[in-house]
């Protein structure tokens, strides 16, 4: 969504406040001189407004033009703050070289919220590293602390405010010999609450929205001069396609790859279109390059990310524009017109999965409306595309779904679920569910209870409705479900979900599954933890096993290994089993 002019001017004022004040004064003095007036005093006659209009016009015509003023000011600024030639385009004219150079600064990054924020953190770090910043994992030695924030619910924002109160104490206790500590807020909360963040006790020095990470070195340079700096302008084009993210954990076995940004769905409860802007897709070539790089580094699992990942539509090349228009799932609709042309998600998934047959491919978060049969067929054929789908339902009541502007009914959603099970036997499903949305009655709630019971999700993310400013629900609907009722409904939904998840996981007992080892179990160093194809956590003893090469050798499994595990027990969240041997995706496709 394009920002208002008020938002643009608001952002500019933080960057240019002091220089503009000096410039205005110089222009005012020049105007007085042109009119034959002293810059400090006026004659009594002029002060009373006397004198002919003709005299004024004559003086104005004889005076210098606007271009004369601008040239004078430009000359003044260039003399006072000379810039290196290579910095003239990228930096504000009042930033001298002393603010852009100096000893390397150490940056500490904290990430909150969804996987997209993890990806954003990697993009921000890539930008900062190229500008000479060093990464630190120790808060006490950081020169810059950046929080990549989430704004999806009130609780997420409150977590950040609490963290800022803690960082205030860190900032005040910092020894003067270490120099000033700079604190920045990045991401969705920065986009939503720019003015409040900057004004609240003046703790935050830098605010950067999701489309402003390229500007971070510039904003931090401004902060070094003692100013607050902000850029929260949304973009219709920014995808960071030319920036290769740097993984926050280089030894990780899995990685996230952002394929698109923003969202056009405009669900009535959702803040995302207002914090991340309109939908735009990253070019295919850029995505393939990043996935290939991750494969070369030994990464064994990639998750393709987007707010509406399966509505991906690349129009960056001429030949893509003639592609057939997108088709919605049966019984689904949108509030926007059908989008013509562009390479679609099924083609992207095909190309990505072909890069490395031994690399698992997942994707999230999709919208149920964008699932053509081509996607299901490809998932069935490719052994390295995980048979796991995130299928957000939000509510089991058609009436509430209509108020949410989801574009489908309960019946259409359940029909899609059945079609998925028919197309992908053994698929695991996860979902997002909101309890206590505006106007939700007890009967509506029971509809959601029965839907969860019928679908039997393996994983579910269930939250009480949290009203967000700017959304349609905030302006048009009433948040009329009491908090205690919301919390009771959340508990009831969680109970029925866990019951179904236990049944779904119990069905795996006695079967063999391929597990990607992530590392030691959190509860015991004698056990290893990993994820199966359905993204369910699997725990098994760290013992010697067949190395899978038919050589008779035995090994301990390492992070990044695929291990064939026989499942021995299950609860609603975790499977446990016994490791049989190391394996490969290609070899063990039959056990998936």
Protein backbone atom coordinates (compact mmCIF):
# COMPACT_ATOMS: atom_id res chain seq x y z
CA UNK A 1 0.00 0.00 0.00
CA UNK A 2 1.37 3.41 -0.95
CA UNK A 3 2.12 5.69 2.01
CA UNK A 4 0.30 8.97 2.42
CA UNK A 5 2.09 12.25 1.83
CA UNK A 6 1.88 12.84 5.56
CA UNK A 7 3.90 9.67 6.06
CA UNK A 8 6.48 10.73 3.47
CA UNK A 9 6.95 14.16 4.99
CA UNK A 10 7.02 12.68 8.45
CA UNK A 11 9.89 10.38 7.48
CA UNK A 12 11.78 13.19 5.79
CA UNK A 13 11.54 15.44 8.81
CA UNK A 14 13.55 13.06 10.95
CA UNK A 15 16.33 12.94 8.37
CA UNK A 16 16.54 16.59 7.46
CA UNK A 17 15.30 18.65 10.40
CA UNK A 18 18.49 20.47 11.35
CA UNK A 19 19.91 21.13 7.86
CA UNK A 20 16.54 22.41 6.63
CA UNK A 21 16.39 24.92 9.47
CA UNK A 22 19.78 26.40 8.53
CA UNK A 23 18.87 26.40 4.82
CA UNK A 24 15.58 28.21 5.45
CA UNK A 25 17.35 30.89 7.45
CA UNK A 26 19.84 31.50 4.63
CA UNK A 27 17.06 31.76 2.04
CA UNK A 28 15.15 34.20 4.27
CA UNK A 29 18.22 36.41 4.64
CA UNK A 30 18.79 36.35 0.87
CA UNK A 31 15.18 37.43 0.25
CA UNK A 32 15.57 40.41 2.58
CA UNK A 33 18.76 41.43 0.79
CA UNK A 34 17.04 41.24 -2.60
CA UNK A 35 14.29 43.58 -1.42
CA UNK A 36 16.78 46.08 -0.17
CA UNK A 37 16.15 45.21 3.50
CA UNK A 38 18.54 44.46 6.30
CA UNK A 39 18.15 40.89 7.51
CA UNK A 40 17.77 41.99 11.13
CA UNK A 41 15.58 45.15 10.95
CA UNK A 42 12.77 46.71 8.91
CA UNK A 43 11.89 50.34 8.52
CA UNK A 44 8.74 51.48 10.24
CA UNK A 45 7.19 52.17 6.85
CA UNK A 46 7.82 48.65 5.61
CA UNK A 47 6.70 47.14 8.89
CA UNK A 48 3.35 48.89 8.55
CA UNK A 49 2.92 47.57 5.03
CA UNK A 50 3.30 50.96 3.29
CA UNK A 51 4.77 51.41 -0.18
CA UNK A 52 3.32 50.83 -3.62
CA UNK A 53 2.61 47.41 -5.13
CA UNK A 54 4.44 48.59 -8.26
CA UNK A 55 7.64 49.17 -6.26
CA UNK A 56 7.41 45.65 -4.85
CA UNK A 57 6.96 44.07 -8.31
CA UNK A 58 9.86 46.11 -9.68
CA UNK A 59 12.16 44.97 -6.89
CA UNK A 60 11.02 41.33 -7.32
CA UNK A 61 11.61 41.38 -11.09
CA UNK A 62 15.08 42.87 -10.66
CA UNK A 63 16.07 40.35 -8.02
CA UNK A 64 17.66 36.93 -8.42
CA UNK A 65 15.67 33.88 -9.52
CA UNK A 66 14.84 30.80 -7.46
CA UNK A 67 17.68 29.00 -9.22
CA UNK A 68 20.07 31.64 -7.84
CA UNK A 69 18.96 30.81 -4.30
CA UNK A 70 19.29 27.07 -4.83
CA UNK A 71 22.75 27.41 -6.37
CA UNK A 72 23.86 29.55 -3.47
CA UNK A 73 22.63 27.10 -0.89
CA UNK A 74 24.16 24.14 -2.76
CA UNK A 75 27.48 25.97 -2.93
CA UNK A 76 27.31 26.72 0.79
CA UNK A 77 26.57 23.11 1.69
CA UNK A 78 29.32 21.73 -0.54
CA UNK A 79 31.90 24.08 0.93
CA UNK A 80 30.95 23.24 4.50
CA UNK A 81 30.56 19.46 4.07
CA UNK A 82 32.71 18.16 1.17
CA UNK A 83 31.81 14.62 0.14
CA UNK A 84 33.87 11.92 -1.55
CA UNK A 85 32.79 11.55 -5.17
CA UNK A 86 31.49 8.01 -4.74
CA UNK A 87 29.23 9.08 -1.84
CA UNK A 88 27.51 12.01 -3.56
CA UNK A 89 24.70 9.92 -5.01
CA UNK A 90 24.03 7.63 -2.06
CA UNK A 91 24.25 9.98 0.92
CA UNK A 92 22.50 13.08 2.13
CA UNK A 93 24.58 16.19 1.20
CA UNK A 94 25.08 17.19 4.83
CA UNK A 95 26.79 13.92 5.83
CA UNK A 96 30.53 14.42 5.72
CA UNK A 97 33.10 11.62 5.35
CA UNK A 98 33.76 11.59 9.10
CA UNK A 99 30.28 10.19 9.70
CA UNK A 100 30.63 7.48 7.07
CA UNK A 101 34.06 6.14 8.02
CA UNK A 102 35.86 5.13 11.19
CA UNK A 103 36.58 1.93 13.10
CA UNK A 104 34.28 -1.03 12.38
CA UNK A 105 31.13 -1.01 14.47
CA UNK A 106 29.74 -4.17 16.05
CA UNK A 107 26.06 -4.96 15.52
CA UNK A 108 23.86 -7.25 17.62
CA UNK A 109 20.68 -8.55 15.93
CA UNK A 110 17.59 -9.93 17.64
CA UNK A 111 14.71 -11.47 15.65
CA UNK A 112 11.09 -11.72 16.76
CA UNK A 113 8.04 -13.21 15.06
CA UNK A 114 7.66 -15.19 11.86
CA UNK A 115 10.10 -16.87 9.51
CA UNK A 116 9.91 -13.85 7.21
CA UNK A 117 11.59 -11.84 9.95
CA UNK A 118 14.38 -14.42 10.07
CA UNK A 119 14.86 -13.84 6.34
CA UNK A 120 14.75 -10.06 6.85
CA UNK A 121 17.43 -10.34 9.52
CA UNK A 122 19.70 -12.13 7.04
CA UNK A 123 19.08 -9.42 4.42
CA UNK A 124 19.78 -6.61 6.90
CA UNK A 125 22.99 -8.30 8.03
CA UNK A 126 24.13 -8.75 4.42
CA UNK A 127 23.65 -5.00 3.82
CA UNK A 128 25.49 -4.04 7.01
CA UNK A 129 28.38 -6.42 6.44
CA UNK A 130 29.06 -4.87 3.03
CA UNK A 131 29.25 -1.49 4.79
CA UNK A 132 31.96 -2.69 7.17
CA UNK A 133 29.93 -3.69 10.21
CA UNK A 134 30.94 -6.68 12.28
CA UNK A 135 28.51 -9.15 13.85
CA UNK A 136 28.58 -9.93 17.57
CA UNK A 137 26.57 -12.39 19.63
CA UNK A 138 27.41 -10.58 22.87
CA UNK A 139 25.04 -7.77 23.77
CA UNK A 140 27.53 -6.04 26.07
CA UNK A 141 30.09 -5.45 23.31
CA UNK A 142 27.64 -4.18 20.68
CA UNK A 143 27.82 -0.64 19.30
CA UNK A 144 24.49 -1.09 17.53
CA UNK A 145 21.51 -3.20 18.66
CA UNK A 146 18.85 -3.90 16.04
CA UNK A 147 15.54 -5.60 16.83
CA UNK A 148 13.67 -7.13 13.86
CA UNK A 149 10.10 -6.90 15.08
CA UNK A 150 6.63 -8.35 14.58
CA UNK A 151 3.33 -6.45 14.73
CA UNK A 152 0.82 -9.20 14.02
CA UNK A 153 -0.58 -9.23 17.58
CA UNK A 154 -0.54 -6.90 20.57
CA UNK A 155 1.43 -9.42 22.65
CA UNK A 156 4.23 -9.42 20.06
CA UNK A 157 4.50 -5.63 20.27
CA UNK A 158 4.42 -5.65 24.07
CA UNK A 159 7.40 -8.01 24.04
CA UNK A 160 9.38 -5.40 22.12
CA UNK A 161 8.38 -2.56 24.48
CA UNK A 162 9.55 -4.68 27.42
CA UNK A 163 12.82 -5.39 25.65
CA UNK A 164 13.36 -1.69 24.96
CA UNK A 165 12.96 -0.91 28.66
CA UNK A 166 15.73 -3.41 29.38
CA UNK A 167 17.95 -1.93 26.66
CA UNK A 168 17.43 1.54 28.13
CA UNK A 169 19.29 0.38 31.24
CA UNK A 170 22.02 -1.15 29.08
CA UNK A 171 22.39 2.14 27.20
CA UNK A 172 22.61 4.22 30.38
CA UNK A 173 25.23 1.93 31.95
CA UNK A 174 27.46 1.87 28.88
CA UNK A 175 30.94 3.29 29.68
CA UNK A 176 31.72 6.55 27.93
CA UNK A 177 34.97 5.03 26.66
CA UNK A 178 32.95 2.65 24.45
CA UNK A 179 31.12 5.47 22.70
CA UNK A 180 27.37 5.87 22.32
CA UNK A 181 25.18 2.80 21.95
CA UNK A 182 22.69 3.05 19.08
CA UNK A 183 19.40 1.13 19.10
CA UNK A 184 17.23 0.44 16.07
CA UNK A 185 13.77 -1.01 15.44
CA UNK A 186 13.34 -2.83 12.12
CA UNK A 187 10.43 -4.60 10.44
CA UNK A 188 6.66 -4.50 10.86
CA UNK A 189 6.50 -2.70 14.21
CA UNK A 190 8.76 0.03 12.80
CA UNK A 191 6.36 0.48 9.90
CA UNK A 192 3.27 0.64 12.12
CA UNK A 193 4.48 2.73 15.06
CA UNK A 194 7.26 4.98 13.78
CA UNK A 195 6.30 8.17 15.61
CA UNK A 196 5.55 6.43 18.91
CA UNK A 197 8.82 4.50 18.83
CA UNK A 198 10.91 7.60 18.20
CA UNK A 199 9.10 9.80 20.70
CA UNK A 200 8.89 7.38 23.64
CA UNK A 201 11.70 8.54 25.93
CA UNK A 202 13.90 8.99 22.84
CA UNK A 203 15.41 5.57 23.39
CA UNK A 204 15.45 4.46 19.76
CA UNK A 205 17.87 6.04 17.31
CA UNK A 206 16.93 4.31 14.06
CA UNK A 207 13.61 3.05 12.66
CA UNK A 208 13.56 1.10 9.39
CA UNK A 209 10.54 -0.54 7.78
CA UNK A 210 10.66 -3.84 5.86
CA UNK A 211 11.43 -2.08 2.57
CA UNK A 212 14.21 0.16 3.95
CA UNK A 213 17.03 -2.25 4.81
CA UNK A 214 19.23 -0.94 1.99
CA UNK A 215 19.15 2.41 3.79
CA UNK A 216 20.46 1.05 7.13
CA UNK A 217 24.10 2.24 6.74
CA UNK A 218 22.85 5.73 5.90
CA UNK A 219 20.39 5.80 8.81
CA UNK A 220 23.04 4.58 11.25
CA UNK A 221 25.45 7.24 9.97
CA UNK A 222 22.83 9.87 10.77
CA UNK A 223 22.38 8.36 14.22
CA UNK A 224 26.13 8.67 14.84
CA UNK A 225 25.76 12.44 14.45
CA UNK A 226 23.20 12.47 17.26
CA UNK A 227 20.04 12.59 15.16
CA UNK A 228 17.15 10.17 15.09
CA UNK A 229 16.66 8.65 11.65
CA UNK A 230 13.71 6.85 10.08
CA UNK A 231 12.72 5.34 6.77
CA UNK A 232 9.41 3.48 6.73
CA UNK A 233 8.36 4.11 3.14
CA UNK A 234 6.70 1.11 1.52
CA UNK A 235 7.70 0.04 -1.98
CA UNK A 236 5.80 -1.45 -4.91
CA UNK A 237 8.99 -3.03 -6.26
CA UNK A 238 11.47 -3.90 -3.50
CA UNK A 239 12.22 -7.64 -3.27
CA UNK A 240 15.95 -7.46 -2.37
CA UNK A 241 16.51 -9.72 -5.38
CA UNK A 242 20.14 -8.62 -5.77
CA UNK A 243 21.04 -9.13 -2.09
CA UNK A 244 22.13 -12.62 -1.09
CA UNK A 245 21.14 -13.07 2.56
CA UNK A 246 23.79 -14.17 5.03
CA UNK A 247 22.58 -16.94 7.32
CA UNK A 248 22.48 -15.98 10.97
CA UNK A 249 23.70 -19.50 11.84
CA UNK A 250 26.21 -20.62 9.18
CA UNK A 251 26.22 -24.22 10.47
CA UNK A 252 22.42 -24.61 10.23
CA UNK A 253 21.07 -27.54 8.25
CA UNK A 254 18.08 -25.55 6.97
CA UNK A 255 17.47 -22.09 5.54
CA UNK A 256 14.66 -19.72 4.56
CA UNK A 257 14.46 -18.21 1.07
CA UNK A 258 12.10 -15.28 0.55
CA UNK A 259 10.37 -15.49 -2.84
CA UNK A 260 7.88 -12.64 -2.49
CA UNK A 261 6.89 -9.79 -0.20
CA UNK A 262 3.65 -8.11 0.81
CA UNK A 263 0.05 -9.27 0.48
CA UNK A 264 -3.01 -8.22 -1.54
CA UNK A 265 -5.65 -10.33 0.23
CA UNK A 266 -6.72 -7.62 2.72
CA UNK A 267 -8.26 -9.98 5.28
CA UNK A 268 -10.19 -7.73 7.64
CA UNK A 269 -8.15 -8.64 10.75
CA UNK A 270 -4.66 -8.56 9.22
CA UNK A 271 -2.07 -5.78 9.54
CA UNK A 272 0.38 -7.30 7.01
CA UNK A 273 -0.74 -5.30 3.92
CA UNK A 274 -0.18 -2.11 5.93
CA UNK A 275 3.22 -3.07 7.35
CA UNK A 276 4.68 -4.95 4.38
CA UNK A 277 2.83 -3.37 1.47
CA UNK A 278 1.47 -4.76 -1.76
CA UNK A 279 2.32 -8.14 -3.21
CA UNK A 280 5.40 -8.40 -5.43
CA UNK A 281 7.45 -11.43 -6.44
CA UNK A 282 11.18 -11.90 -6.58
CA UNK A 283 12.57 -12.86 -10.02
CA UNK A 284 13.02 -16.58 -10.61
CA UNK A 285 16.71 -16.30 -11.52
CA UNK A 286 17.53 -14.64 -8.20
CA UNK A 287 15.74 -17.36 -6.23
CA UNK A 288 17.47 -20.17 -8.12
CA UNK A 289 20.84 -18.54 -7.54
CA UNK A 290 20.27 -18.38 -3.79
CA UNK A 291 19.02 -21.97 -3.54
CA UNK A 292 22.02 -23.18 -5.55
CA UNK A 293 24.34 -21.28 -3.22
CA UNK A 294 22.70 -22.89 -0.17
CA UNK A 295 23.02 -26.33 -1.76
CA UNK A 296 26.73 -25.71 -2.40
CA UNK A 297 27.11 -24.79 1.28
CA UNK A 298 25.61 -28.14 2.35
CA UNK A 299 22.18 -26.89 3.46
CA UNK A 300 19.75 -29.83 3.41
CA UNK A 301 16.39 -28.09 3.69
CA UNK A 302 15.02 -24.87 2.20
CA UNK A 303 11.70 -23.25 3.06
CA UNK A 304 10.30 -20.86 0.45
CA UNK A 305 8.76 -17.86 2.19
CA UNK A 306 6.06 -15.33 1.43
CA UNK A 307 2.96 -13.82 3.02
CA UNK A 308 0.96 -15.54 0.28
CA UNK A 309 3.69 -17.77 -1.12
CA UNK A 310 1.60 -19.79 -3.55
CA UNK A 311 0.33 -16.66 -5.32
CA UNK A 312 3.89 -16.13 -6.59
CA UNK A 313 3.87 -14.47 -10.03
CA UNK A 314 7.14 -13.49 -11.71
CA UNK A 315 6.72 -10.94 -14.50
CA UNK A 316 10.40 -9.98 -14.72
CA UNK A 317 10.93 -11.58 -18.16
CA UNK A 318 8.99 -10.99 -21.36
CA UNK A 319 8.31 -14.67 -21.99
CA UNK A 320 6.61 -14.98 -18.58
CA UNK A 321 3.96 -12.41 -19.47
CA UNK A 322 2.16 -14.73 -21.88
CA UNK A 323 1.53 -17.37 -19.21
CA UNK A 324 -2.05 -18.44 -18.55
CA UNK A 325 -3.94 -16.50 -15.86
CA UNK A 326 -3.97 -17.96 -12.35
CA UNK A 327 -6.77 -20.28 -11.30
CA UNK A 328 -8.27 -20.22 -7.82
CA UNK A 329 -9.15 -23.29 -5.81
CA UNK A 330 -12.74 -24.40 -6.36
CA UNK A 331 -15.19 -22.37 -4.28
CA UNK A 332 -12.69 -19.59 -3.46
CA UNK A 333 -12.69 -15.90 -4.43
CA UNK A 334 -10.64 -12.74 -3.96
CA UNK A 335 -11.40 -9.06 -3.51
CA UNK A 336 -8.99 -8.15 -6.33
CA UNK A 337 -9.21 -8.79 -10.07
CA UNK A 338 -7.51 -11.89 -11.56
CA UNK A 339 -3.85 -11.21 -12.31
CA UNK A 340 -2.76 -11.82 -15.87
CA UNK A 341 0.49 -13.45 -16.96
CA UNK A 342 3.62 -14.26 -15.04
CA UNK A 343 5.47 -17.43 -14.12
CA UNK A 344 3.48 -19.16 -11.39
CA UNK A 345 4.31 -20.98 -8.17
CA UNK A 346 4.11 -24.49 -9.68
CA UNK A 347 6.84 -23.60 -12.21
CA UNK A 348 8.98 -22.08 -9.48
CA UNK A 349 8.57 -25.16 -7.27
CA UNK A 350 9.51 -27.38 -10.22
CA UNK A 351 12.73 -25.46 -10.89
CA UNK A 352 13.74 -25.13 -7.25
CA UNK A 353 13.21 -28.81 -6.43
CA UNK A 354 15.34 -29.84 -9.42
CA UNK A 355 18.46 -28.02 -8.16
CA UNK A 356 19.43 -30.65 -5.58
CA UNK A 357 17.51 -33.94 -5.25
CA UNK A 358 19.02 -34.35 -1.75
CA UNK A 359 17.66 -31.02 -0.50
CA UNK A 360 14.20 -30.94 1.06
CA UNK A 361 11.86 -28.18 -0.14
CA UNK A 362 9.04 -26.71 1.97
CA UNK A 363 6.98 -23.55 1.54
CA UNK A 364 4.94 -21.26 3.80
CA UNK A 365 2.63 -19.49 4.26
CA UNK A 366 0.14 -20.27 1.49
CA UNK A 367 -3.44 -19.13 1.12
CA UNK A 368 -5.96 -21.94 0.48
CA UNK A 369 -7.32 -20.12 -2.60
CA UNK A 370 -4.09 -20.56 -4.64
CA UNK A 371 -3.74 -24.33 -5.03
CA UNK A 372 -4.00 -25.55 -8.62
CA UNK A 373 -3.72 -29.31 -9.16
CA UNK A 374 -0.28 -28.81 -10.73
CA UNK A 375 1.15 -28.05 -7.30
CA UNK A 376 -0.26 -31.24 -5.77
CA UNK A 377 0.90 -33.34 -8.72
CA UNK A 378 4.43 -31.96 -8.44
CA UNK A 379 4.51 -32.59 -4.69
CA UNK A 380 3.48 -36.18 -5.32
CA UNK A 381 6.13 -36.77 -8.00
CA UNK A 382 9.16 -35.15 -6.36
CA UNK A 383 10.58 -37.07 -3.41
CA UNK A 384 12.36 -33.96 -2.09
CA UNK A 385 9.24 -31.75 -1.90
CA UNK A 386 7.86 -32.39 1.58
CA UNK A 387 4.32 -33.77 1.78
CA UNK A 388 3.34 -31.13 4.29
CA UNK A 389 1.01 -28.15 3.83
CA UNK A 390 0.22 -25.16 5.97
CA UNK A 391 -3.46 -24.47 5.30
CA UNK A 392 -4.67 -21.49 7.39
CA UNK A 393 -8.41 -21.71 8.09
CA UNK A 394 -8.78 -18.96 10.77
CA UNK A 395 -12.38 -20.00 11.61
CA UNK A 396 -14.74 -22.90 11.07
CA UNK A 397 -17.79 -20.63 10.74
CA UNK A 398 -18.84 -19.43 7.29
CA UNK A 399 -20.38 -16.33 8.86
CA UNK A 400 -17.12 -15.40 10.61
CA UNK A 401 -15.07 -16.24 7.51
CA UNK A 402 -17.16 -13.75 5.57
CA UNK A 403 -16.52 -11.06 8.22
CA UNK A 404 -12.83 -11.91 8.01
CA UNK A 405 -12.95 -11.48 4.19
CA UNK A 406 -11.26 -14.84 3.66
CA UNK A 407 -12.98 -15.57 0.35
CA UNK A 408 -14.31 -19.05 1.10
CA UNK A 409 -16.91 -20.94 3.09
CA UNK A 410 -16.46 -23.73 5.60
CA UNK A 411 -17.70 -26.18 2.98
CA UNK A 412 -15.22 -25.01 0.33
CA UNK A 413 -12.33 -25.32 2.78
CA UNK A 414 -13.30 -28.87 3.81
CA UNK A 415 -13.70 -29.83 0.15
CA UNK A 416 -10.15 -28.61 -0.50
CA UNK A 417 -8.85 -30.61 2.48
CA UNK A 418 -10.43 -33.77 1.10
CA UNK A 419 -8.98 -33.07 -2.35
CA UNK A 420 -5.51 -32.66 -0.79
CA UNK A 421 -5.79 -35.99 1.03
CA UNK A 422 -6.89 -37.67 -2.20
CA UNK A 423 -4.00 -36.11 -4.14
CA UNK A 424 -1.30 -36.57 -1.47
CA UNK A 425 -1.88 -39.68 0.68
CA UNK A 426 -0.11 -39.32 4.01
CA UNK A 427 0.11 -35.53 3.82
CA UNK A 428 0.42 -33.64 7.12
CA UNK A 429 -1.54 -30.44 7.63
CA UNK A 430 -1.02 -27.40 9.86
CA UNK A 431 -3.18 -24.31 10.29
CA UNK A 432 -3.68 -20.85 11.82
CA UNK A 433 -6.84 -20.29 13.88
CA UNK A 434 -8.23 -17.15 15.52
CA UNK A 435 -10.51 -17.41 18.56
CA UNK A 436 -12.96 -14.66 19.51
CA UNK A 437 -13.06 -12.61 16.30
CA UNK A 438 -15.49 -9.70 16.14
CA UNK A 439 -19.06 -10.90 16.57
CA UNK A 440 -18.10 -14.55 17.05
CA UNK A 441 -20.92 -16.33 18.89
CA UNK A 442 -20.73 -19.54 20.86
CA UNK A 443 -22.30 -21.33 17.90
CA UNK A 444 -19.56 -19.94 15.61
CA UNK A 445 -16.93 -21.13 18.07
CA UNK A 446 -18.42 -24.64 18.10
CA UNK A 447 -18.20 -24.65 14.30
CA UNK A 448 -14.45 -24.11 14.61
CA UNK A 449 -14.21 -26.85 17.25
CA UNK A 450 -15.95 -29.31 14.95
CA UNK A 451 -13.78 -28.34 11.95
CA UNK A 452 -10.56 -28.95 13.90
CA UNK A 453 -11.94 -32.29 15.03
CA UNK A 454 -12.83 -33.23 11.45
CA UNK A 455 -9.57 -32.15 9.78
CA UNK A 456 -7.27 -33.44 12.57
CA UNK A 457 -4.29 -31.11 12.04
CA UNK A 458 -0.79 -32.27 12.92
CA UNK A 459 0.17 -28.74 13.98
CA UNK A 460 -1.91 -25.66 14.73
CA UNK A 461 -1.20 -22.07 15.80
CA UNK A 462 -4.19 -20.87 17.80
CA UNK A 463 -4.48 -17.29 19.11
CA UNK A 464 -7.06 -14.98 20.59
CA UNK A 465 -8.11 -12.18 18.25
CA UNK A 466 -6.00 -9.06 18.71
CA UNK A 467 -7.38 -5.83 17.25
CA UNK A 468 -4.92 -4.00 14.97
CA UNK A 469 -5.19 -0.36 13.94
CA UNK A 470 -5.57 0.40 10.21
CA UNK A 471 -7.33 -2.89 9.50
CA UNK A 472 -10.90 -3.08 8.22
CA UNK A 473 -11.98 -4.87 11.40
CA UNK A 474 -10.63 -1.99 13.49
CA UNK A 475 -12.64 0.58 11.53
CA UNK A 476 -15.79 -1.37 10.62
CA UNK A 477 -16.29 -4.09 13.24
CA UNK A 478 -16.55 -4.21 17.01
CA UNK A 479 -14.14 -6.24 19.13
CA UNK A 480 -16.99 -7.43 21.32
CA UNK A 481 -15.85 -10.82 22.62
CA UNK A 482 -14.62 -10.39 26.24
CA UNK A 483 -10.97 -11.36 26.92
CA UNK A 484 -11.91 -14.14 29.35
CA UNK A 485 -14.21 -15.67 26.72
CA UNK A 486 -11.44 -15.47 24.11
CA UNK A 487 -8.99 -17.24 26.40
CA UNK A 488 -11.51 -19.94 27.27
CA UNK A 489 -12.18 -20.54 23.59
CA UNK A 490 -8.45 -20.72 22.84
CA UNK A 491 -8.09 -23.42 25.49
CA UNK A 492 -11.00 -25.40 24.11
CA UNK A 493 -9.59 -25.20 20.58
CA UNK A 494 -6.16 -26.26 21.84
CA UNK A 495 -7.66 -29.26 23.64
CA UNK A 496 -9.49 -30.55 20.58
CA UNK A 497 -6.42 -29.90 18.39
CA UNK A 498 -4.12 -31.87 20.71
CA UNK A 499 -6.57 -34.75 20.76
CA UNK A 500 -6.56 -34.91 16.96
CA UNK A 501 -2.79 -34.40 16.69
CA UNK A 502 -2.19 -37.27 19.10
CA UNK A 503 -4.32 -39.55 16.95
CA UNK A 504 -2.55 -38.40 13.77
CA UNK A 505 0.92 -38.90 15.25
CA UNK A 506 0.01 -42.23 16.83
CA UNK A 507 -0.70 -43.56 13.35
CA UNK A 508 3.05 -43.30 12.65
CA UNK A 509 4.01 -45.76 15.41
CA UNK A 510 5.58 -48.88 13.93
CA UNK A 511 6.42 -47.17 10.64
CA UNK A 512 9.81 -46.03 9.33
CA UNK A 513 10.40 -42.35 8.62
CA UNK A 514 13.26 -40.31 7.21
CA UNK A 515 14.50 -37.73 9.69
CA UNK A 516 16.80 -34.80 8.95
CA UNK A 517 19.07 -34.48 12.00
CA UNK A 518 19.22 -30.96 13.43
CA UNK A 519 21.36 -31.58 16.52
CA UNK A 520 21.23 -32.79 20.13
CA UNK A 521 17.86 -32.94 21.85
CA UNK A 522 17.19 -30.00 24.18
CA UNK A 523 16.38 -32.37 27.03
CA UNK A 524 19.27 -34.81 26.74
CA UNK A 525 22.68 -34.84 25.10
CA UNK A 526 22.29 -38.60 24.76
CA UNK A 527 19.54 -38.09 22.17
CA UNK A 528 19.33 -36.45 18.76
CA UNK A 529 16.50 -34.34 17.40
CA UNK A 530 15.32 -33.81 13.86
CA UNK A 531 12.26 -33.37 11.63
CA UNK A 532 10.45 -35.85 9.45
CA UNK A 533 8.94 -35.11 6.05
CA UNK A 534 5.78 -33.81 7.76
CA UNK A 535 7.82 -31.31 9.83
CA UNK A 536 7.09 -33.20 13.08
CA UNK A 537 9.90 -33.35 15.63
CA UNK A 538 11.44 -36.82 16.06
CA UNK A 539 13.70 -37.77 19.00
CA UNK A 540 15.95 -40.84 18.97
CA UNK A 541 19.01 -42.11 20.89
CA UNK A 542 22.45 -40.94 19.73
CA UNK A 543 23.96 -44.35 19.10
CA UNK A 544 26.16 -45.91 16.46
CA UNK A 545 24.32 -46.95 13.32
CA UNK A 546 25.00 -48.32 9.86
CA UNK A 547 26.56 -45.57 7.75
CA UNK A 548 24.29 -46.41 4.81
CA UNK A 549 27.08 -47.19 2.34
CA UNK A 550 26.88 -51.01 2.53
CA UNK A 551 30.49 -51.01 3.75
CA UNK A 552 29.65 -52.40 7.17
CA UNK A 553 30.93 -49.24 8.89
CA UNK A 554 29.08 -47.64 11.80
CA UNK A 555 28.80 -43.94 12.63
CA UNK A 556 27.06 -41.48 14.92
CA UNK A 557 24.60 -39.32 13.00
CA UNK A 558 25.60 -35.67 12.55
CA UNK A 559 23.51 -32.54 11.89
CA UNK A 560 22.56 -32.58 8.22
CA UNK A 561 22.37 -36.37 7.98
CA UNK A 562 19.24 -38.16 6.87
CA UNK A 563 18.48 -41.07 9.20
CA UNK A 564 15.93 -43.84 8.82
CA UNK A 565 14.05 -44.06 12.13
CA UNK A 566 11.45 -46.59 13.25
CA UNK A 567 8.80 -44.75 15.28
CA UNK A 568 8.14 -46.33 18.68
CA UNK A 569 5.92 -43.80 20.50
CA UNK A 570 4.10 -40.50 19.99
CA UNK A 571 2.40 -37.61 21.73
CA UNK A 572 0.58 -34.61 20.27
CA UNK A 573 3.81 -32.77 19.44
CA UNK A 574 6.66 -35.26 19.17
CA UNK A 575 7.55 -38.69 17.85
CA UNK A 576 10.18 -40.97 19.37
CA UNK A 577 11.98 -43.83 17.68
CA UNK A 578 15.07 -45.95 17.11
CA UNK A 579 17.65 -45.04 14.47
CA UNK A 580 18.25 -47.82 11.93
CA UNK A 581 20.83 -46.30 9.56
CA UNK A 582 21.88 -43.27 7.62
CA UNK A 583 20.15 -42.86 4.29
CA UNK A 584 19.51 -40.48 1.38
CA UNK A 585 16.30 -38.94 0.12
CA UNK A 586 16.55 -40.74 -3.20
CA UNK A 587 17.26 -44.13 -1.61
CA UNK A 588 14.57 -43.89 1.02
CA UNK A 589 11.78 -42.30 -1.05
CA UNK A 590 9.64 -45.34 -0.38
CA UNK A 591 9.71 -44.65 3.38
CA UNK A 592 8.74 -40.93 3.14
